[in-house]
Amino acid sequence: EVESVAFDPTGKYLASGCADKTVRVWDVSSMPMQQVAELKGHTRTVTSVAFDSSGKYLASGEVAEG
């Protein structure tokens, strides 16, 4: 289940934050769309993803317990 999505500034990449505690990065300029990265490390559902204005950095977040 996808909880959050964000495009990089160029529109080439899409990041998705998922209920399975992963962030996935997709190359949307290719058809069919190709997954280029799967980032693990969250302990809960990833509820937000965002690229910085340069597209060099990707941030992700989850809701804290409590």
N, C-alpha and C. Protein backbone atom coordinates (compact mmCIF):
# COMPACT_ATOMS: atom_id res chain seq x y z
N GLU A 1 0.84 -1.17 0.00
CA GLU A 1 0.00 0.00 0.00
C GLU A 1 0.89 1.24 0.00
N VAL A 2 0.69 2.12 -0.96
CA VAL A 2 1.45 3.36 -1.07
C VAL A 2 0.79 4.43 -0.22
N GLU A 3 1.58 5.09 0.61
CA GLU A 3 1.08 6.13 1.51
C GLU A 3 1.42 7.53 1.04
N SER A 4 2.53 7.68 0.31
CA SER A 4 2.99 9.01 -0.10
C SER A 4 3.81 8.88 -1.37
N VAL A 5 3.75 9.89 -2.23
CA VAL A 5 4.56 9.92 -3.44
C VAL A 5 5.12 11.32 -3.65
N ALA A 6 6.26 11.39 -4.34
CA ALA A 6 6.85 12.68 -4.69
C ALA A 6 7.70 12.52 -5.95
N PHE A 7 7.61 13.49 -6.84
CA PHE A 7 8.47 13.54 -8.02
C PHE A 7 9.72 14.34 -7.72
N ASP A 8 10.84 13.96 -8.33
CA ASP A 8 12.05 14.79 -8.24
C ASP A 8 11.82 16.02 -9.13
N PRO A 9 12.67 17.06 -9.00
CA PRO A 9 12.45 18.30 -9.76
C PRO A 9 12.47 18.12 -11.28
N THR A 10 13.14 17.11 -11.78
CA THR A 10 13.19 16.90 -13.23
C THR A 10 11.97 16.14 -13.75
N GLY A 11 11.24 15.48 -12.85
CA GLY A 11 10.11 14.68 -13.26
C GLY A 11 10.49 13.29 -13.75
N LYS A 12 11.79 12.96 -13.69
CA LYS A 12 12.25 11.66 -14.15
C LYS A 12 12.02 10.56 -13.11
N TYR A 13 12.12 10.91 -11.83
CA TYR A 13 12.01 9.93 -10.76
C TYR A 13 10.80 10.20 -9.87
N LEU A 14 10.21 9.10 -9.41
CA LEU A 14 9.09 9.15 -8.48
C LEU A 14 9.48 8.32 -7.26
N ALA A 15 9.32 8.89 -6.08
CA ALA A 15 9.57 8.14 -4.84
C ALA A 15 8.22 7.79 -4.23
N SER A 16 8.14 6.58 -3.67
CA SER A 16 6.91 6.17 -3.00
C SER A 16 7.25 5.67 -1.60
N GLY A 17 6.47 6.12 -0.63
CA GLY A 17 6.58 5.64 0.75
C GLY A 17 5.47 4.64 0.99
N CYS A 18 5.81 3.49 1.55
CA CYS A 18 4.87 2.37 1.59
C CYS A 18 4.60 1.85 2.99
N ALA A 19 3.47 1.15 3.10
CA ALA A 19 3.08 0.53 4.37
C ALA A 19 4.02 -0.60 4.76
N ASP A 20 4.77 -1.14 3.80
CA ASP A 20 5.71 -2.22 4.11
C ASP A 20 7.05 -1.70 4.65
N LYS A 21 7.08 -0.42 5.03
CA LYS A 21 8.23 0.23 5.68
C LYS A 21 9.38 0.50 4.71
N THR A 22 9.09 0.58 3.42
CA THR A 22 10.12 0.85 2.42
C THR A 22 9.84 2.15 1.69
N VAL A 23 10.91 2.69 1.12
CA VAL A 23 10.82 3.79 0.16
C VAL A 23 11.35 3.22 -1.15
N ARG A 24 10.59 3.38 -2.21
CA ARG A 24 11.01 2.90 -3.52
C ARG A 24 11.14 4.08 -4.46
N VAL A 25 12.17 4.02 -5.29
CA VAL A 25 12.39 5.08 -6.29
C VAL A 25 12.21 4.44 -7.66
N TRP A 26 11.44 5.13 -8.50
CA TRP A 26 11.06 4.63 -9.81
C TRP A 26 11.55 5.60 -10.89
N ASP A 27 12.02 5.05 -11.99
CA ASP A 27 12.36 5.84 -13.17
C ASP A 27 11.11 5.87 -14.04
N VAL A 28 10.40 6.99 -14.03
CA VAL A 28 9.14 7.07 -14.76
C VAL A 28 9.36 7.48 -16.22
N SER A 29 10.61 7.77 -16.59
CA SER A 29 10.88 8.12 -17.98
C SER A 29 11.02 6.88 -18.85
N SER A 30 11.13 5.71 -18.22
CA SER A 30 11.23 4.46 -18.97
C SER A 30 9.86 3.80 -19.01
N MET A 31 9.59 3.11 -20.08
CA MET A 31 8.32 2.39 -20.21
C MET A 31 8.63 0.93 -20.52
N PRO A 32 8.22 -0.01 -19.69
CA PRO A 32 7.46 0.26 -18.48
C PRO A 32 8.34 0.89 -17.40
N MET A 33 7.69 1.52 -16.45
CA MET A 33 8.38 2.19 -15.36
C MET A 33 9.28 1.18 -14.62
N GLN A 34 10.52 1.58 -14.31
CA GLN A 34 11.48 0.68 -13.67
C GLN A 34 11.79 1.14 -12.24
N GLN A 35 11.81 0.19 -11.31
CA GLN A 35 12.26 0.49 -9.95
C GLN A 35 13.77 0.57 -9.96
N VAL A 36 14.33 1.67 -9.44
CA VAL A 36 15.79 1.84 -9.43
C VAL A 36 16.39 1.74 -8.04
N ALA A 37 15.55 1.80 -7.00
CA ALA A 37 16.06 1.66 -5.63
C ALA A 37 14.94 1.22 -4.70
N GLU A 38 15.32 0.47 -3.68
CA GLU A 38 14.42 0.11 -2.59
C GLU A 38 15.19 0.39 -1.31
N LEU A 39 14.70 1.35 -0.54
CA LEU A 39 15.38 1.79 0.67
C LEU A 39 14.64 1.25 1.88
N LYS A 40 15.39 0.57 2.75
CA LYS A 40 14.81 -0.03 3.95
C LYS A 40 15.42 0.62 5.18
N GLY A 41 14.75 0.52 6.30
CA GLY A 41 15.29 1.06 7.54
C GLY A 41 14.23 1.66 8.44
N HIS A 42 13.07 1.96 7.88
CA HIS A 42 11.98 2.46 8.72
C HIS A 42 11.44 1.33 9.59
N THR A 43 10.90 1.69 10.74
CA THR A 43 10.32 0.71 11.64
C THR A 43 8.79 0.74 11.60
N ARG A 44 8.25 1.72 10.89
CA ARG A 44 6.79 1.84 10.73
C ARG A 44 6.48 2.22 9.28
N THR A 45 5.21 2.31 8.98
CA THR A 45 4.76 2.74 7.66
C THR A 45 5.39 4.07 7.29
N VAL A 46 5.90 4.17 6.08
CA VAL A 46 6.48 5.43 5.59
C VAL A 46 5.33 6.32 5.13
N THR A 47 5.13 7.43 5.83
CA THR A 47 3.97 8.29 5.58
C THR A 47 4.30 9.53 4.76
N SER A 48 5.59 9.79 4.53
CA SER A 48 5.94 10.97 3.73
C SER A 48 7.27 10.77 3.03
N VAL A 49 7.35 11.29 1.81
CA VAL A 49 8.59 11.31 1.04
C VAL A 49 8.67 12.67 0.34
N ALA A 50 9.89 13.17 0.18
CA ALA A 50 10.09 14.46 -0.50
C ALA A 50 11.52 14.57 -1.01
N PHE A 51 11.67 15.06 -2.23
CA PHE A 51 12.98 15.41 -2.77
C PHE A 51 13.28 16.85 -2.43
N ASP A 52 14.58 17.18 -2.25
CA ASP A 52 14.96 18.58 -2.09
C ASP A 52 14.92 19.24 -3.46
N SER A 53 15.09 20.55 -3.50
CA SER A 53 14.93 21.30 -4.76
C SER A 53 15.99 20.96 -5.80
N SER A 54 17.12 20.39 -5.37
CA SER A 54 18.15 20.00 -6.33
C SER A 54 17.91 18.59 -6.88
N GLY A 55 17.09 17.80 -6.19
CA GLY A 55 16.85 16.42 -6.58
C GLY A 55 17.93 15.47 -6.10
N LYS A 56 18.92 16.02 -5.39
CA LYS A 56 20.05 15.21 -4.92
C LYS A 56 19.71 14.42 -3.66
N TYR A 57 18.81 14.94 -2.85
CA TYR A 57 18.48 14.30 -1.59
C TYR A 57 17.00 13.92 -1.54
N LEU A 58 16.72 12.83 -0.84
CA LEU A 58 15.37 12.34 -0.65
C LEU A 58 15.15 12.15 0.84
N ALA A 59 14.11 12.72 1.37
CA ALA A 59 13.77 12.57 2.79
C ALA A 59 12.52 11.71 2.90
N SER A 60 12.43 10.97 4.00
CA SER A 60 11.24 10.16 4.25
C SER A 60 10.94 10.19 5.73
N GLY A 61 9.67 9.98 6.06
CA GLY A 61 9.28 10.03 7.46
C GLY A 61 8.21 9.02 7.79
N GLU A 62 8.07 8.77 9.08
CA GLU A 62 7.05 7.88 9.61
C GLU A 62 6.46 8.53 10.85
N VAL A 63 5.30 8.10 11.25
CA VAL A 63 4.65 8.64 12.45
C VAL A 63 5.28 7.98 13.67
N ALA A 64 5.69 8.80 14.63
CA ALA A 64 6.29 8.29 15.86
C ALA A 64 5.22 7.64 16.74
N GLU A 65 5.65 6.67 17.50
CA GLU A 65 4.75 6.00 18.42
C GLU A 65 4.42 6.93 19.58
N GLY A 66 3.17 6.87 20.03
CA GLY A 66 2.81 7.64 21.20
C GLY A 66 1.89 8.70 20.98
